[in-house]
Amino acid sequence: MANKTRKKETRTYKDRAKYLSYATTKRRRHIKLFAIEYRGGKCQICGYKRCVGALDLHHIKGKKSFLISTDAYLHSWVDIKTELDKCVLLCSNCHRELHNGLIKLPVKAVV
């Protein structure tokens, strides 16, 4: 039997860290797109839908189990859907105005 030589490992910890960071970013983006689609794809107050980066999730029901924006990538799709059921989708302007008391959620968004 011939002595098989192994290929020398060329990856480094730094390479692995970069890959893990990329994978986490990719999963977070995927979750945000899923969340936007799941919650209707547009602001529940004004109907804005041009830029996904300008859409936020606002909790309206129950206690937060985890933060969707930062911790969702650690949870299953079932857990994410359960948390999304407690939220409404708002554009960033309507979200800020809601928090400052300038507007209120329409009844259809709360139900």
N, C-alpha and C. Protein backbone atom coordinates (compact mmCIF):
# COMPACT_ATOMS: atom_id res chain seq x y z
N MET A 1 0.83 -1.17 0.00
CA MET A 1 0.00 0.00 0.00
C MET A 1 0.89 1.24 0.00
N ALA A 2 0.59 2.16 -0.85
CA ALA A 2 1.40 3.37 -0.96
C ALA A 2 1.07 4.31 0.19
N ASN A 3 2.07 5.03 0.62
CA ASN A 3 1.91 6.00 1.69
C ASN A 3 1.24 7.25 1.10
N LYS A 4 0.00 7.49 1.51
CA LYS A 4 -0.72 8.65 0.99
C LYS A 4 -0.29 9.89 1.75
N THR A 5 -0.04 10.93 1.01
CA THR A 5 0.33 12.19 1.65
C THR A 5 -0.90 13.08 1.73
N ARG A 6 -1.03 13.71 2.84
CA ARG A 6 -2.14 14.62 3.03
C ARG A 6 -1.76 15.99 2.53
N LYS A 7 -2.76 16.66 2.01
CA LYS A 7 -2.56 18.03 1.58
C LYS A 7 -2.42 18.89 2.83
N LYS A 8 -1.44 19.75 2.83
CA LYS A 8 -1.20 20.60 3.99
C LYS A 8 -2.35 21.60 4.14
N GLU A 9 -2.81 21.73 5.37
CA GLU A 9 -3.89 22.67 5.68
C GLU A 9 -3.40 24.09 5.50
N THR A 10 -4.12 24.84 4.68
CA THR A 10 -3.70 26.22 4.40
C THR A 10 -4.64 27.25 5.02
N ARG A 11 -5.82 26.78 5.49
CA ARG A 11 -6.76 27.72 6.11
C ARG A 11 -6.24 28.15 7.48
N THR A 12 -6.62 29.35 7.85
CA THR A 12 -6.23 29.85 9.16
C THR A 12 -7.48 30.21 9.95
N TYR A 13 -7.30 30.48 11.23
CA TYR A 13 -8.42 30.89 12.06
C TYR A 13 -9.03 32.17 11.51
N LYS A 14 -8.21 33.07 11.03
CA LYS A 14 -8.69 34.34 10.49
C LYS A 14 -9.62 34.08 9.30
N ASP A 15 -9.27 33.13 8.44
CA ASP A 15 -10.13 32.77 7.31
C ASP A 15 -11.47 32.23 7.80
N ARG A 16 -11.44 31.39 8.81
CA ARG A 16 -12.65 30.80 9.35
C ARG A 16 -13.54 31.87 9.97
N ALA A 17 -12.96 32.79 10.70
CA ALA A 17 -13.72 33.88 11.32
C ALA A 17 -14.41 34.73 10.25
N LYS A 18 -13.70 34.99 9.17
CA LYS A 18 -14.28 35.78 8.08
C LYS A 18 -15.46 35.03 7.45
N TYR A 19 -15.33 33.73 7.26
CA TYR A 19 -16.41 32.93 6.70
C TYR A 19 -17.63 32.92 7.63
N LEU A 20 -17.40 32.73 8.93
CA LEU A 20 -18.51 32.70 9.88
C LEU A 20 -19.23 34.04 9.93
N SER A 21 -18.49 35.13 9.85
CA SER A 21 -19.10 36.46 9.81
C SER A 21 -19.96 36.61 8.56
N TYR A 22 -19.46 36.16 7.43
CA TYR A 22 -20.20 36.22 6.18
C TYR A 22 -21.47 35.38 6.26
N ALA A 23 -21.37 34.17 6.82
CA ALA A 23 -22.52 33.28 6.94
C ALA A 23 -23.59 33.87 7.85
N THR A 24 -23.18 34.51 8.94
CA THR A 24 -24.12 35.14 9.86
C THR A 24 -24.83 36.30 9.18
N THR A 25 -24.10 37.12 8.47
CA THR A 25 -24.69 38.26 7.75
C THR A 25 -25.69 37.77 6.71
N LYS A 26 -25.33 36.72 6.00
CA LYS A 26 -26.22 36.16 4.98
C LYS A 26 -27.51 35.63 5.61
N ARG A 27 -27.41 34.94 6.72
CA ARG A 27 -28.61 34.41 7.40
C ARG A 27 -29.47 35.55 7.93
N ARG A 28 -28.87 36.59 8.51
CA ARG A 28 -29.66 37.73 9.00
C ARG A 28 -30.43 38.40 7.87
N ARG A 29 -29.80 38.57 6.72
CA ARG A 29 -30.48 39.17 5.56
C ARG A 29 -31.63 38.29 5.10
N HIS A 30 -31.39 36.98 5.07
CA HIS A 30 -32.43 36.04 4.67
C HIS A 30 -33.62 36.11 5.63
N ILE A 31 -33.35 36.19 6.92
CA ILE A 31 -34.41 36.27 7.92
C ILE A 31 -35.19 37.57 7.75
N LYS A 32 -34.50 38.68 7.49
CA LYS A 32 -35.20 39.96 7.31
C LYS A 32 -36.12 39.89 6.09
N LEU A 33 -35.64 39.35 4.99
CA LEU A 33 -36.49 39.23 3.80
C LEU A 33 -37.69 38.33 4.08
N PHE A 34 -37.47 37.23 4.79
CA PHE A 34 -38.55 36.34 5.17
C PHE A 34 -39.56 37.07 6.05
N ALA A 35 -39.07 37.83 7.03
CA ALA A 35 -39.93 38.55 7.97
C ALA A 35 -40.78 39.58 7.23
N ILE A 36 -40.18 40.30 6.30
CA ILE A 36 -40.91 41.31 5.54
C ILE A 36 -42.01 40.66 4.72
N GLU A 37 -41.69 39.57 4.06
CA GLU A 37 -42.69 38.87 3.27
C GLU A 37 -43.79 38.29 4.17
N TYR A 38 -43.39 37.72 5.27
CA TYR A 38 -44.34 37.10 6.21
C TYR A 38 -45.31 38.12 6.79
N ARG A 39 -44.85 39.35 7.03
CA ARG A 39 -45.69 40.39 7.63
C ARG A 39 -46.36 41.29 6.60
N GLY A 40 -46.37 40.90 5.34
CA GLY A 40 -47.16 41.61 4.34
C GLY A 40 -46.38 42.41 3.32
N GLY A 41 -45.10 42.63 3.51
CA GLY A 41 -44.27 43.25 2.49
C GLY A 41 -44.32 44.76 2.40
N LYS A 42 -45.12 45.42 3.25
CA LYS A 42 -45.18 46.88 3.19
C LYS A 42 -45.57 47.43 4.56
N CYS A 43 -45.33 48.71 4.75
CA CYS A 43 -45.66 49.39 6.00
C CYS A 43 -47.17 49.28 6.23
N GLN A 44 -47.55 48.90 7.43
CA GLN A 44 -48.96 48.72 7.77
C GLN A 44 -49.71 50.03 7.94
N ILE A 45 -48.98 51.14 7.97
CA ILE A 45 -49.63 52.44 8.11
C ILE A 45 -49.71 53.16 6.76
N CYS A 46 -48.56 53.32 6.10
CA CYS A 46 -48.55 54.14 4.87
C CYS A 46 -48.38 53.34 3.58
N GLY A 47 -48.03 52.05 3.68
CA GLY A 47 -47.89 51.22 2.49
C GLY A 47 -46.53 51.27 1.82
N TYR A 48 -45.54 51.92 2.44
CA TYR A 48 -44.19 52.02 1.86
C TYR A 48 -43.58 50.64 1.69
N LYS A 49 -42.92 50.41 0.52
CA LYS A 49 -42.28 49.11 0.27
C LYS A 49 -41.07 49.19 -0.65
N ARG A 50 -40.54 50.37 -0.88
CA ARG A 50 -39.46 50.53 -1.86
C ARG A 50 -38.11 49.96 -1.40
N CYS A 51 -37.76 50.13 -0.15
CA CYS A 51 -36.43 49.72 0.33
C CYS A 51 -36.58 48.86 1.58
N VAL A 52 -36.09 47.62 1.51
CA VAL A 52 -36.22 46.71 2.66
C VAL A 52 -35.43 47.21 3.87
N GLY A 53 -34.38 47.98 3.63
CA GLY A 53 -33.59 48.53 4.73
C GLY A 53 -34.35 49.57 5.52
N ALA A 54 -35.41 50.11 4.96
CA ALA A 54 -36.21 51.14 5.64
C ALA A 54 -37.43 50.55 6.32
N LEU A 55 -37.55 49.23 6.36
CA LEU A 55 -38.69 48.59 7.01
C LEU A 55 -38.26 47.99 8.34
N ASP A 56 -39.08 48.25 9.37
CA ASP A 56 -38.79 47.80 10.74
C ASP A 56 -39.92 46.93 11.24
N LEU A 57 -39.61 46.10 12.22
CA LEU A 57 -40.63 45.32 12.90
C LEU A 57 -40.89 45.96 14.26
N HIS A 58 -42.16 46.17 14.58
CA HIS A 58 -42.55 46.79 15.84
C HIS A 58 -43.39 45.81 16.64
N HIS A 59 -42.93 45.46 17.85
CA HIS A 59 -43.67 44.54 18.71
C HIS A 59 -44.93 45.22 19.24
N ILE A 60 -46.05 44.53 19.14
CA ILE A 60 -47.29 45.08 19.67
C ILE A 60 -47.98 44.13 20.65
N LYS A 61 -47.66 42.85 20.60
CA LYS A 61 -48.34 41.86 21.44
C LYS A 61 -47.33 41.06 22.25
N GLY A 62 -47.65 40.85 23.51
CA GLY A 62 -46.86 39.96 24.34
C GLY A 62 -45.45 40.45 24.62
N LYS A 63 -44.73 39.63 25.34
CA LYS A 63 -43.36 39.93 25.71
C LYS A 63 -42.41 39.41 24.64
N LYS A 64 -41.35 40.17 24.37
CA LYS A 64 -40.34 39.74 23.40
C LYS A 64 -39.60 38.53 23.94
N SER A 65 -39.53 37.48 23.16
CA SER A 65 -38.74 36.31 23.54
C SER A 65 -37.28 36.51 23.17
N PHE A 66 -37.07 37.20 22.05
CA PHE A 66 -35.73 37.54 21.59
C PHE A 66 -35.85 38.69 20.60
N LEU A 67 -34.75 39.34 20.31
CA LEU A 67 -34.75 40.43 19.34
C LEU A 67 -34.58 39.86 17.95
N ILE A 68 -35.51 40.12 17.08
CA ILE A 68 -35.46 39.57 15.74
C ILE A 68 -34.26 40.12 14.97
N SER A 69 -33.96 41.39 15.15
CA SER A 69 -32.88 42.01 14.38
C SER A 69 -31.50 41.46 14.73
N THR A 70 -31.30 41.04 15.99
CA THR A 70 -29.95 40.61 16.37
C THR A 70 -29.84 39.13 16.73
N ASP A 71 -30.91 38.54 17.26
CA ASP A 71 -30.82 37.17 17.78
C ASP A 71 -31.55 36.11 16.97
N ALA A 72 -32.30 36.52 15.96
CA ALA A 72 -33.13 35.55 15.22
C ALA A 72 -32.29 34.47 14.54
N TYR A 73 -31.08 34.79 14.12
CA TYR A 73 -30.27 33.81 13.42
C TYR A 73 -29.91 32.62 14.31
N LEU A 74 -30.14 32.75 15.61
CA LEU A 74 -29.86 31.66 16.55
C LEU A 74 -31.08 30.77 16.79
N HIS A 75 -32.23 31.13 16.20
CA HIS A 75 -33.48 30.44 16.48
C HIS A 75 -34.02 29.73 15.24
N SER A 76 -34.94 28.81 15.50
CA SER A 76 -35.56 28.05 14.40
C SER A 76 -36.60 28.92 13.71
N TRP A 77 -37.02 28.48 12.51
CA TRP A 77 -38.04 29.21 11.76
C TRP A 77 -39.35 29.24 12.53
N VAL A 78 -39.67 28.19 13.26
CA VAL A 78 -40.91 28.15 14.05
C VAL A 78 -40.87 29.24 15.12
N ASP A 79 -39.75 29.36 15.82
CA ASP A 79 -39.60 30.40 16.84
C ASP A 79 -39.65 31.80 16.23
N ILE A 80 -39.04 31.95 15.07
CA ILE A 80 -39.04 33.25 14.40
C ILE A 80 -40.47 33.64 14.00
N LYS A 81 -41.22 32.69 13.43
CA LYS A 81 -42.62 32.96 13.05
C LYS A 81 -43.45 33.34 14.27
N THR A 82 -43.26 32.63 15.39
CA THR A 82 -43.98 32.94 16.62
C THR A 82 -43.71 34.36 17.07
N GLU A 83 -42.46 34.78 16.98
CA GLU A 83 -42.10 36.14 17.38
C GLU A 83 -42.64 37.16 16.38
N LEU A 84 -42.62 36.83 15.10
CA LEU A 84 -43.15 37.74 14.08
C LEU A 84 -44.65 37.95 14.22
N ASP A 85 -45.35 36.96 14.76
CA ASP A 85 -46.79 37.09 14.98
C ASP A 85 -47.11 38.16 16.03
N LYS A 86 -46.13 38.57 16.80
CA LYS A 86 -46.30 39.61 17.81
C LYS A 86 -45.96 41.00 17.26
N CYS A 87 -45.64 41.09 15.97
CA CYS A 87 -45.12 42.33 15.39
C CYS A 87 -45.98 42.84 14.24
N VAL A 88 -45.77 44.12 13.93
CA VAL A 88 -46.30 44.71 12.70
C VAL A 88 -45.11 45.26 11.94
N LEU A 89 -45.24 45.34 10.64
CA LEU A 89 -44.19 45.86 9.78
C LEU A 89 -44.46 47.34 9.52
N LEU A 90 -43.47 48.18 9.81
CA LEU A 90 -43.60 49.62 9.62
C LEU A 90 -42.37 50.15 8.90
N CYS A 91 -42.56 51.23 8.13
CA CYS A 91 -41.40 51.90 7.57
C CYS A 91 -40.72 52.67 8.71
N SER A 92 -39.49 53.05 8.53
CA SER A 92 -38.76 53.69 9.61
C SER A 92 -39.39 55.02 10.04
N ASN A 93 -39.95 55.77 9.09
CA ASN A 93 -40.59 57.04 9.45
C ASN A 93 -41.82 56.81 10.32
N CYS A 94 -42.70 55.91 9.90
CA CYS A 94 -43.90 55.63 10.69
C CYS A 94 -43.53 55.03 12.05
N HIS A 95 -42.49 54.21 12.09
CA HIS A 95 -42.05 53.60 13.33
C HIS A 95 -41.61 54.67 14.33
N ARG A 96 -40.82 55.64 13.85
CA ARG A 96 -40.36 56.73 14.74
C ARG A 96 -41.52 57.62 15.18
N GLU A 97 -42.43 57.91 14.25
CA GLU A 97 -43.59 58.73 14.60
C GLU A 97 -44.49 58.02 15.60
N LEU A 98 -44.63 56.71 15.47
CA LEU A 98 -45.42 55.92 16.41
C LEU A 98 -44.82 56.00 17.81
N HIS A 99 -43.50 55.83 17.92
CA HIS A 99 -42.83 55.89 19.21
C HIS A 99 -42.88 57.28 19.83
N ASN A 100 -42.99 58.31 19.02
CA ASN A 100 -43.06 59.67 19.53
C ASN A 100 -44.50 60.15 19.73
N GLY A 101 -45.47 59.28 19.51
CA GLY A 101 -46.86 59.59 19.78
C GLY A 101 -47.53 60.46 18.72
N LEU A 102 -46.91 60.61 17.57
CA LEU A 102 -47.48 61.45 16.52
C LEU A 102 -48.56 60.74 15.72
N ILE A 103 -48.50 59.41 15.66
CA ILE A 103 -49.50 58.62 14.95
C ILE A 103 -49.85 57.40 15.79
N LYS A 104 -50.93 56.75 15.45
CA LYS A 104 -51.34 55.51 16.13
C LYS A 104 -51.48 54.41 15.08
N LEU A 105 -51.35 53.18 15.54
CA LEU A 105 -51.54 52.04 14.65
C LEU A 105 -53.02 51.94 14.26
N PRO A 106 -53.30 51.65 13.00
CA PRO A 106 -54.69 51.42 12.62
C PRO A 106 -55.19 50.13 13.28
N VAL A 107 -56.47 50.06 13.53
CA VAL A 107 -57.06 48.90 14.20
C VAL A 107 -56.77 47.61 13.44
N LYS A 108 -56.79 47.65 12.11
CA LYS A 108 -56.53 46.44 11.31
C LYS A 108 -55.13 45.90 11.51
N ALA A 109 -54.15 46.75 11.86
CA ALA A 109 -52.78 46.30 12.08
C ALA A 109 -52.63 45.64 13.44
N VAL A 110 -53.43 46.03 14.41
CA VAL A 110 -53.33 45.49 15.75
C VAL A 110 -53.99 44.13 15.86
N VAL A 111 -55.01 43.87 15.07
CA VAL A 111 -55.76 42.60 15.16
C VAL A 111 -54.97 41.45 14.64
